[in-house]
């Protein structure tokens, strides 16, 4: 009697297709990923440790309130529009763009309010611009 040998059953897993799939996924993600470098602006803000300068020259002071209201030399403006601010600056300066202009803003005022004031001064032609700060609290 002739007995056939039984085939051995292979109990291992063929890893070749699995490795192929992993390589295809790797290639897909490498090709579809954008390699853009995001730039972050790192600011090192200066401190106001300088001496207080007392100017004898009369100037214009723009006060910006917490909610963005403008006041020029103590006179409250009726709205927050750029046109109104420019008109008030022209009226007070009487066309003299050489006068020093000081912007004093509340710490909680929006950045846009300060930029609007600077834009109005720039459009009129003011060149002597100051922004007021206060000295930081001294820690002992």
C-alpha atoms as a PDB file:
ATOM      1  CA  UNK A   1       0.000   0.000   0.000  1.00  0.00           C
ATOM      2  CA  UNK A   2       1.203   3.319  -0.991  1.00  0.00           C
ATOM      3  CA  UNK A   3       0.454   6.099   1.427  1.00  0.00           C
ATOM      4  CA  UNK A   4       0.502   9.627   0.340  1.00  0.00           C
ATOM      5  CA  UNK A   5       2.284  12.000   2.443  1.00  0.00           C
ATOM      6  CA  UNK A   6       0.118  14.683   3.842  1.00  0.00           C
ATOM      7  CA  UNK A   7       0.956  18.190   2.918  1.00  0.00           C
ATOM      8  CA  UNK A   8       2.242  20.270   5.720  1.00  0.00           C
ATOM      9  CA  UNK A   9      -0.006  23.193   6.488  1.00  0.00           C
ATOM     10  CA  UNK A  10       1.895  26.442   6.581  1.00  0.00           C
ATOM     11  CA  UNK A  11       0.931  28.244   9.787  1.00  0.00           C
ATOM     12  CA  UNK A  12       2.911  31.405   9.119  1.00  0.00           C
ATOM     13  CA  UNK A  13       1.552  34.685   7.856  1.00  0.00           C
ATOM     14  CA  UNK A  14       2.926  36.025   4.646  1.00  0.00           C
ATOM     15  CA  UNK A  15       4.180  39.508   5.471  1.00  0.00           C
ATOM     16  CA  UNK A  16       5.056  40.611   1.962  1.00  0.00           C
ATOM     17  CA  UNK A  17       1.619  42.072   1.091  1.00  0.00           C
ATOM     18  CA  UNK A  18       1.456  43.770   4.487  1.00  0.00           C
ATOM     19  CA  UNK A  19       4.845  45.407   3.985  1.00  0.00           C
ATOM     20  CA  UNK A  20       3.813  46.513   0.488  1.00  0.00           C
ATOM     21  CA  UNK A  21       0.684  48.183   1.875  1.00  0.00           C
ATOM     22  CA  UNK A  22       2.690  49.942   4.599  1.00  0.00           C
ATOM     23  CA  UNK A  23       5.175  51.254   2.032  1.00  0.00           C
ATOM     24  CA  UNK A  24       2.368  52.463  -0.209  1.00  0.00           C
ATOM     25  CA  UNK A  25       0.764  54.293   2.722  1.00  0.00           C
ATOM     26  CA  UNK A  26       4.116  55.812   3.638  1.00  0.00           C
ATOM     27  CA  UNK A  27       4.647  57.039   0.088  1.00  0.00           C
ATOM     28  CA  UNK A  28       1.099  58.397  -0.066  1.00  0.00           C
ATOM     29  CA  UNK A  29       1.503  60.408   3.154  1.00  0.00           C
ATOM     30  CA  UNK A  30       4.921  61.692   2.118  1.00  0.00           C
ATOM     31  CA  UNK A  31       3.609  62.924  -1.223  1.00  0.00           C
ATOM     32  CA  UNK A  32       0.370  64.413   0.112  1.00  0.00           C
ATOM     33  CA  UNK A  33       1.953  66.256   3.042  1.00  0.00           C
ATOM     34  CA  UNK A  34       2.925  69.856   2.516  1.00  0.00           C
ATOM     35  CA  UNK A  35       6.262  70.753   3.982  1.00  0.00           C
ATOM     36  CA  UNK A  36       5.719  74.433   4.672  1.00  0.00           C
ATOM     37  CA  UNK A  37       7.556  76.022   7.496  1.00  0.00           C
ATOM     38  CA  UNK A  38       5.213  78.112   9.567  1.00  0.00           C
ATOM     39  CA  UNK A  39       6.854  81.213  10.833  1.00  0.00           C
ATOM     40  CA  UNK A  40       5.901  82.573  14.209  1.00  0.00           C
ATOM     41  CA  UNK A  41       6.627  86.133  15.102  1.00  0.00           C
ATOM     42  CA  UNK A  42       8.533  86.271  18.354  1.00  0.00           C
ATOM     43  CA  UNK A  43       8.371  89.678  19.946  1.00  0.00           C
ATOM     44  CA  UNK A  44      10.692  90.969  22.591  1.00  0.00           C
ATOM     45  CA  UNK A  45       8.889  94.088  23.699  1.00  0.00           C
ATOM     46  CA  UNK A  46      10.962  96.942  25.109  1.00  0.00           C
ATOM     47  CA  UNK A  47      10.420  98.231  28.596  1.00  0.00           C
ATOM     48  CA  UNK A  48       9.860 101.891  29.343  1.00  0.00           C
ATOM     49  CA  UNK A  49      12.739 102.509  31.737  1.00  0.00           C
ATOM     50  CA  UNK A  50      13.823 105.854  30.291  1.00  0.00           C
ATOM     51  CA  UNK A  51      13.633 109.203  31.985  1.00  0.00           C
ATOM     52  CA  UNK A  52      10.423 111.162  31.713  1.00  0.00           C
ATOM     53  CA  UNK A  53      10.793 113.835  29.066  1.00  0.00           C
ATOM     54  CA  UNK A  54       9.061 117.118  29.728  1.00  0.00           C
ATOM     55  CA  UNK A  55       8.307 118.958  26.490  1.00  0.00           C
ATOM     56  CA  UNK A  56       7.765 122.683  26.599  1.00  0.00           C
ATOM     57  CA  UNK A  57       6.331 122.568  23.089  1.00  0.00           C
ATOM     58  CA  UNK A  58       2.561 122.416  22.951  1.00  0.00           C
ATOM     59  CA  UNK A  59       1.391 119.278  21.206  1.00  0.00           C
ATOM     60  CA  UNK A  60      -1.631 117.193  20.425  1.00  0.00           C
ATOM     61  CA  UNK A  61      -2.638 114.269  22.603  1.00  0.00           C
ATOM     62  CA  UNK A  62      -4.944 111.524  21.394  1.00  0.00           C
ATOM     63  CA  UNK A  63      -6.507 109.532  24.224  1.00  0.00           C
ATOM     64  CA  UNK A  64      -7.943 106.123  23.375  1.00  0.00           C
ATOM     65  CA  UNK A  65     -10.364 104.674  25.891  1.00  0.00           C
ATOM     66  CA  UNK A  66     -10.887 101.066  26.885  1.00  0.00           C
ATOM     67  CA  UNK A  67     -13.724 100.606  24.390  1.00  0.00           C
ATOM     68  CA  UNK A  68     -11.962 102.483  21.542  1.00  0.00           C
ATOM     69  CA  UNK A  69     -13.392 105.985  22.022  1.00  0.00           C
ATOM     70  CA  UNK A  70     -11.128 108.825  20.913  1.00  0.00           C
ATOM     71  CA  UNK A  71     -10.480 112.080  22.686  1.00  0.00           C
ATOM     72  CA  UNK A  72      -8.183 114.800  21.316  1.00  0.00           C
ATOM     73  CA  UNK A  73      -6.747 117.278  23.818  1.00  0.00           C
ATOM     74  CA  UNK A  74      -9.575 116.454  26.221  1.00  0.00           C
ATOM     75  CA  UNK A  75     -12.404 116.818  23.677  1.00  0.00           C
ATOM     76  CA  UNK A  76     -14.405 113.634  23.103  1.00  0.00           C
ATOM     77  CA  UNK A  77     -15.053 112.743  19.441  1.00  0.00           C
ATOM     78  CA  UNK A  78     -18.576 111.838  18.380  1.00  0.00           C
ATOM     79  CA  UNK A  79     -17.627 108.498  16.782  1.00  0.00           C
ATOM     80  CA  UNK A  80     -14.695 106.157  16.121  1.00  0.00           C
ATOM     81  CA  UNK A  81     -14.421 106.660  12.364  1.00  0.00           C
ATOM     82  CA  UNK A  82     -11.149 107.495  10.653  1.00  0.00           C
ATOM     83  CA  UNK A  83     -12.667 110.516   8.858  1.00  0.00           C
ATOM     84  CA  UNK A  84     -13.799 112.061  12.139  1.00  0.00           C
ATOM     85  CA  UNK A  85     -10.387 111.548  13.721  1.00  0.00           C
ATOM     86  CA  UNK A  86      -8.597 113.047  10.714  1.00  0.00           C
ATOM     87  CA  UNK A  87     -10.933 116.074  10.635  1.00  0.00           C
ATOM     88  CA  UNK A  88     -10.394 116.726  14.352  1.00  0.00           C
ATOM     89  CA  UNK A  89      -6.611 116.453  13.974  1.00  0.00           C
ATOM     90  CA  UNK A  90      -6.647 118.903  11.057  1.00  0.00           C
ATOM     91  CA  UNK A  91      -8.809 121.367  12.982  1.00  0.00           C
ATOM     92  CA  UNK A  92      -6.619 121.296  16.090  1.00  0.00           C
ATOM     93  CA  UNK A  93      -3.287 121.389  14.251  1.00  0.00           C
ATOM     94  CA  UNK A  94      -4.389 124.134  11.817  1.00  0.00           C
ATOM     95  CA  UNK A  95      -2.262 122.489   9.131  1.00  0.00           C
ATOM     96  CA  UNK A  96       0.920 122.401  11.259  1.00  0.00           C
ATOM     97  CA  UNK A  97       2.204 118.827  10.782  1.00  0.00           C
ATOM     98  CA  UNK A  98       5.377 119.538  12.757  1.00  0.00           C
ATOM     99  CA  UNK A  99       3.547 119.554  16.090  1.00  0.00           C
ATOM    100  CA  UNK A 100       4.377 116.586  18.334  1.00  0.00           C
ATOM    101  CA  UNK A 101       1.554 114.061  18.493  1.00  0.00           C
ATOM    102  CA  UNK A 102       1.196 111.814  21.529  1.00  0.00           C
ATOM    103  CA  UNK A 103      -1.009 108.715  21.554  1.00  0.00           C
ATOM    104  CA  UNK A 104      -2.102 107.504  24.978  1.00  0.00           C
ATOM    105  CA  UNK A 105      -4.130 104.301  24.944  1.00  0.00           C
ATOM    106  CA  UNK A 106      -5.716 102.287  27.705  1.00  0.00           C
ATOM    107  CA  UNK A 107      -4.002  98.954  28.289  1.00  0.00           C
ATOM    108  CA  UNK A 108      -7.239  97.151  27.381  1.00  0.00           C
ATOM    109  CA  UNK A 109      -7.868  99.201  24.222  1.00  0.00           C
ATOM    110  CA  UNK A 110      -7.871  97.250  20.987  1.00  0.00           C
ATOM    111  CA  UNK A 111      -4.794  97.297  18.796  1.00  0.00           C
ATOM    112  CA  UNK A 112      -6.987  98.372  15.889  1.00  0.00           C
ATOM    113  CA  UNK A 113      -7.902 101.605  17.695  1.00  0.00           C
ATOM    114  CA  UNK A 114      -4.230 102.516  18.117  1.00  0.00           C
ATOM    115  CA  UNK A 115      -3.440 101.631  14.503  1.00  0.00           C
ATOM    116  CA  UNK A 116      -6.369 103.765  13.326  1.00  0.00           C
ATOM    117  CA  UNK A 117      -5.024 106.744  15.280  1.00  0.00           C
ATOM    118  CA  UNK A 118      -1.554 106.214  13.826  1.00  0.00           C
ATOM    119  CA  UNK A 119      -3.031 105.863  10.331  1.00  0.00           C
ATOM    120  CA  UNK A 120      -4.963 109.117  10.679  1.00  0.00           C
ATOM    121  CA  UNK A 121      -1.839 110.939  11.842  1.00  0.00           C
ATOM    122  CA  UNK A 122       0.191 109.455   8.996  1.00  0.00           C
ATOM    123  CA  UNK A 123      -2.360 110.394   6.336  1.00  0.00           C
ATOM    124  CA  UNK A 124      -2.380 113.996   7.537  1.00  0.00           C
ATOM    125  CA  UNK A 125       1.422 114.070   7.575  1.00  0.00           C
ATOM    126  CA  UNK A 126       2.456 114.129  11.229  1.00  0.00           C
ATOM    127  CA  UNK A 127       6.059 113.040  11.630  1.00  0.00           C
ATOM    128  CA  UNK A 128       6.692 113.512  15.374  1.00  0.00           C
ATOM    129  CA  UNK A 129       4.700 110.674  16.922  1.00  0.00           C
ATOM    130  CA  UNK A 130       5.005 109.400  20.499  1.00  0.00           C
ATOM    131  CA  UNK A 131       3.262 106.561  22.265  1.00  0.00           C
ATOM    132  CA  UNK A 132       3.059 106.847  26.026  1.00  0.00           C
ATOM    133  CA  UNK A 133       3.778 103.998  28.397  1.00  0.00           C
ATOM    134  CA  UNK A 134       4.152 103.646  32.109  1.00  0.00           C
ATOM    135  CA  UNK A 135       7.047 102.264  34.071  1.00  0.00           C
ATOM    136  CA  UNK A 136       6.623  98.630  35.119  1.00  0.00           C
ATOM    137  CA  UNK A 137       6.163  97.995  38.831  1.00  0.00           C
ATOM    138  CA  UNK A 138       9.506  97.471  40.538  1.00  0.00           C
ATOM    139  CA  UNK A 139       9.723  94.129  42.337  1.00  0.00           C
ATOM    140  CA  UNK A 140      12.015  94.098  45.372  1.00  0.00           C
END
